[in-house]
Amino acid sequence: MKTFTYIFLLLISLPSFSQRIFSVDFESRADFNVFVVDFESRADLLVFKEDFESRATGNKGNWFFVNFESRADKKIFFVDFESRADLKIFFVKHRSRAGWRNNSKKHLLYKSS
């Protein structure tokens, strides 16, 4: 029983990863700014838009866009200029292509509880 308790405590103490995303209308309401690049090679993160929330787990670029701000793990604002972005993304058509190209930006999607 002690082993189970230790494992449980370890798992809940690990950082959470956020992939439920809400796109806000005002930059001041966002957790960070996002720019969609034209070429995969210029992206920090390759993003696959999931159809089901249950598939948007882990910090791997599988995003589920929620309809309500209160349901989101992270709120983003799409900027018009690359220089204003905290994170540059490229939307991919296949789930297997999603993932980080710039690991130094991963902290942006850690869930802050």
C-alpha atoms as a PDB file:
ATOM      1  CA  MET A   1       0.000   0.000   0.000  1.00  0.00           C
ATOM      2  CA  LYS A   2       2.892   2.388   0.748  1.00  0.00           C
ATOM      3  CA  THR A   3       4.296   1.842  -2.728  1.00  0.00           C
ATOM      4  CA  PHE A   4       0.966   2.778  -4.300  1.00  0.00           C
ATOM      5  CA  THR A   5       0.775   5.926  -2.177  1.00  0.00           C
ATOM      6  CA  TYR A   6       4.299   6.996  -3.160  1.00  0.00           C
ATOM      7  CA  ILE A   7       3.626   6.418  -6.851  1.00  0.00           C
ATOM      8  CA  PHE A   8       0.350   8.354  -6.643  1.00  0.00           C
ATOM      9  CA  LEU A   9       2.033  11.293  -4.913  1.00  0.00           C
ATOM     10  CA  LEU A  10       4.825  11.292  -7.477  1.00  0.00           C
ATOM     11  CA  LEU A  11       2.390  11.350 -10.386  1.00  0.00           C
ATOM     12  CA  ILE A  12       0.320  14.235  -9.065  1.00  0.00           C
ATOM     13  CA  SER A  13       3.434  16.271  -8.318  1.00  0.00           C
ATOM     14  CA  LEU A  14       4.701  16.099 -11.918  1.00  0.00           C
ATOM     15  CA  PRO A  15       4.060  19.180 -14.041  1.00  0.00           C
ATOM     16  CA  SER A  16       0.792  19.133 -15.958  1.00  0.00           C
ATOM     17  CA  PHE A  17       0.748  19.678 -19.669  1.00  0.00           C
ATOM     18  CA  SER A  18      -1.926  21.780 -21.281  1.00  0.00           C
ATOM     19  CA  GLN A  19      -3.475  21.189 -24.633  1.00  0.00           C
ATOM     20  CA  ARG A  20      -7.026  22.563 -24.261  1.00  0.00           C
ATOM     21  CA  ILE A  21      -6.713  25.892 -26.042  1.00  0.00           C
ATOM     22  CA  PHE A  22      -8.964  28.931 -26.298  1.00  0.00           C
ATOM     23  CA  SER A  23      -8.314  31.718 -28.773  1.00  0.00           C
ATOM     24  CA  VAL A  24      -9.062  35.088 -27.146  1.00  0.00           C
ATOM     25  CA  ASP A  25     -10.033  38.288 -28.942  1.00  0.00           C
ATOM     26  CA  PHE A  26      -7.729  40.581 -26.989  1.00  0.00           C
ATOM     27  CA  GLU A  27      -3.980  40.226 -26.515  1.00  0.00           C
ATOM     28  CA  SER A  28      -4.217  41.325 -22.882  1.00  0.00           C
ATOM     29  CA  ARG A  29      -6.340  38.261 -22.035  1.00  0.00           C
ATOM     30  CA  ALA A  30      -3.874  35.735 -23.479  1.00  0.00           C
ATOM     31  CA  ASP A  31      -1.315  33.611 -21.680  1.00  0.00           C
ATOM     32  CA  PHE A  32       0.942  34.010 -24.707  1.00  0.00           C
ATOM     33  CA  ASN A  33       0.951  35.176 -28.336  1.00  0.00           C
ATOM     34  CA  VAL A  34       1.006  32.810 -31.308  1.00  0.00           C
ATOM     35  CA  PHE A  35       1.964  33.332 -34.926  1.00  0.00           C
ATOM     36  CA  VAL A  36       1.152  30.794 -37.646  1.00  0.00           C
ATOM     37  CA  VAL A  37       4.148  30.429 -39.959  1.00  0.00           C
ATOM     38  CA  ASP A  38       3.985  29.459 -43.639  1.00  0.00           C
ATOM     39  CA  PHE A  39       6.666  26.798 -43.472  1.00  0.00           C
ATOM     40  CA  GLU A  40       7.079  23.880 -41.084  1.00  0.00           C
ATOM     41  CA  SER A  41      10.805  24.567 -40.789  1.00  0.00           C
ATOM     42  CA  ARG A  42      10.152  28.001 -39.221  1.00  0.00           C
ATOM     43  CA  ALA A  43       7.868  26.711 -36.445  1.00  0.00           C
ATOM     44  CA  ASP A  44       8.655  26.172 -32.779  1.00  0.00           C
ATOM     45  CA  LEU A  45       5.769  23.711 -32.552  1.00  0.00           C
ATOM     46  CA  LEU A  46       3.951  21.598 -35.122  1.00  0.00           C
ATOM     47  CA  VAL A  47       0.286  21.527 -34.081  1.00  0.00           C
ATOM     48  CA  PHE A  48      -2.394  18.999 -34.921  1.00  0.00           C
ATOM     49  CA  LYS A  49      -5.976  20.099 -34.245  1.00  0.00           C
ATOM     50  CA  GLU A  50      -7.719  17.260 -32.435  1.00  0.00           C
ATOM     51  CA  ASP A  51     -11.421  16.522 -32.937  1.00  0.00           C
ATOM     52  CA  PHE A  52     -11.765  14.990 -29.478  1.00  0.00           C
ATOM     53  CA  GLU A  53     -10.630  16.528 -26.207  1.00  0.00           C
ATOM     54  CA  SER A  54      -9.480  13.161 -24.849  1.00  0.00           C
ATOM     55  CA  ARG A  55      -6.777  12.978 -27.527  1.00  0.00           C
ATOM     56  CA  ALA A  56      -5.202  16.304 -26.544  1.00  0.00           C
ATOM     57  CA  THR A  57      -2.955  14.930 -23.829  1.00  0.00           C
ATOM     58  CA  GLY A  58       0.701  15.514 -23.167  1.00  0.00           C
ATOM     59  CA  ASN A  59       2.768  18.428 -24.339  1.00  0.00           C
ATOM     60  CA  LYS A  60       3.176  17.145 -27.889  1.00  0.00           C
ATOM     61  CA  GLY A  61       1.315  19.646 -30.036  1.00  0.00           C
ATOM     62  CA  ASN A  62      -2.047  17.918 -30.084  1.00  0.00           C
ATOM     63  CA  TRP A  63      -4.406  20.834 -29.432  1.00  0.00           C
ATOM     64  CA  PHE A  64      -8.119  20.786 -28.788  1.00  0.00           C
ATOM     65  CA  PHE A  65      -9.780  24.166 -29.219  1.00  0.00           C
ATOM     66  CA  VAL A  66     -12.516  24.665 -26.627  1.00  0.00           C
ATOM     67  CA  ASN A  67     -15.552  26.908 -27.084  1.00  0.00           C
ATOM     68  CA  PHE A  68     -15.434  28.476 -23.640  1.00  0.00           C
ATOM     69  CA  GLU A  69     -12.555  30.307 -22.001  1.00  0.00           C
ATOM     70  CA  SER A  70     -13.280  28.665 -18.648  1.00  0.00           C
ATOM     71  CA  ARG A  71     -12.608  25.197 -20.155  1.00  0.00           C
ATOM     72  CA  ALA A  72      -9.163  26.109 -21.472  1.00  0.00           C
ATOM     73  CA  ASP A  73      -5.814  25.206 -20.010  1.00  0.00           C
ATOM     74  CA  LYS A  74      -4.194  28.012 -21.991  1.00  0.00           C
ATOM     75  CA  LYS A  75      -5.512  31.122 -23.715  1.00  0.00           C
ATOM     76  CA  ILE A  76      -3.743  32.266 -26.852  1.00  0.00           C
ATOM     77  CA  PHE A  77      -3.882  35.325 -29.059  1.00  0.00           C
ATOM     78  CA  PHE A  78      -3.020  35.056 -32.752  1.00  0.00           C
ATOM     79  CA  VAL A  79      -0.771  37.967 -33.722  1.00  0.00           C
ATOM     80  CA  ASP A  80      -0.305  39.367 -37.220  1.00  0.00           C
ATOM     81  CA  PHE A  81       3.460  39.744 -37.034  1.00  0.00           C
ATOM     82  CA  GLU A  82       6.019  37.036 -36.296  1.00  0.00           C
ATOM     83  CA  SER A  83       8.100  39.443 -34.221  1.00  0.00           C
ATOM     84  CA  ARG A  84       5.217  39.808 -31.717  1.00  0.00           C
ATOM     85  CA  ALA A  85       4.884  36.060 -31.123  1.00  0.00           C
ATOM     86  CA  ASP A  86       5.998  34.084 -28.102  1.00  0.00           C
ATOM     87  CA  LEU A  87       5.385  30.860 -30.020  1.00  0.00           C
ATOM     88  CA  LYS A  88       5.489  30.155 -33.753  1.00  0.00           C
ATOM     89  CA  ILE A  89       3.305  27.260 -34.879  1.00  0.00           C
ATOM     90  CA  PHE A  90       2.535  25.378 -38.058  1.00  0.00           C
ATOM     91  CA  PHE A  91      -0.667  23.352 -38.401  1.00  0.00           C
ATOM     92  CA  VAL A  92      -0.028  19.823 -39.665  1.00  0.00           C
ATOM     93  CA  LYS A  93      -2.561  17.497 -41.296  1.00  0.00           C
ATOM     94  CA  HIS A  94      -1.470  14.306 -39.561  1.00  0.00           C
ATOM     95  CA  ARG A  95      -1.287  13.621 -35.805  1.00  0.00           C
ATOM     96  CA  SER A  96       2.024  11.806 -36.201  1.00  0.00           C
ATOM     97  CA  ARG A  97       3.681  15.012 -37.476  1.00  0.00           C
ATOM     98  CA  ALA A  98       2.848  17.056 -34.346  1.00  0.00           C
ATOM     99  CA  GLY A  99       5.672  17.899 -31.975  1.00  0.00           C
ATOM    100  CA  TRP A 100       8.223  20.357 -30.721  1.00  0.00           C
ATOM    101  CA  ARG A 101      10.959  21.727 -32.947  1.00  0.00           C
ATOM    102  CA  ASN A 102      12.165  24.212 -30.318  1.00  0.00           C
ATOM    103  CA  ASN A 103      12.194  22.609 -26.855  1.00  0.00           C
ATOM    104  CA  SER A 104      13.011  25.908 -25.150  1.00  0.00           C
ATOM    105  CA  LYS A 105       9.394  26.995 -25.694  1.00  0.00           C
ATOM    106  CA  LYS A 106       7.780  23.982 -23.974  1.00  0.00           C
ATOM    107  CA  HIS A 107       7.303  25.944 -20.749  1.00  0.00           C
ATOM    108  CA  LEU A 108       4.601  28.026 -22.442  1.00  0.00           C
ATOM    109  CA  LEU A 109       2.226  25.056 -22.359  1.00  0.00           C
ATOM    110  CA  TYR A 110       2.867  23.899 -18.812  1.00  0.00           C
ATOM    111  CA  LYS A 111      -0.344  24.146 -16.882  1.00  0.00           C
ATOM    112  CA  SER A 112      -0.147  26.625 -14.041  1.00  0.00           C
ATOM    113  CA  SER A 113      -2.330  25.431 -11.200  1.00  0.00           C
END
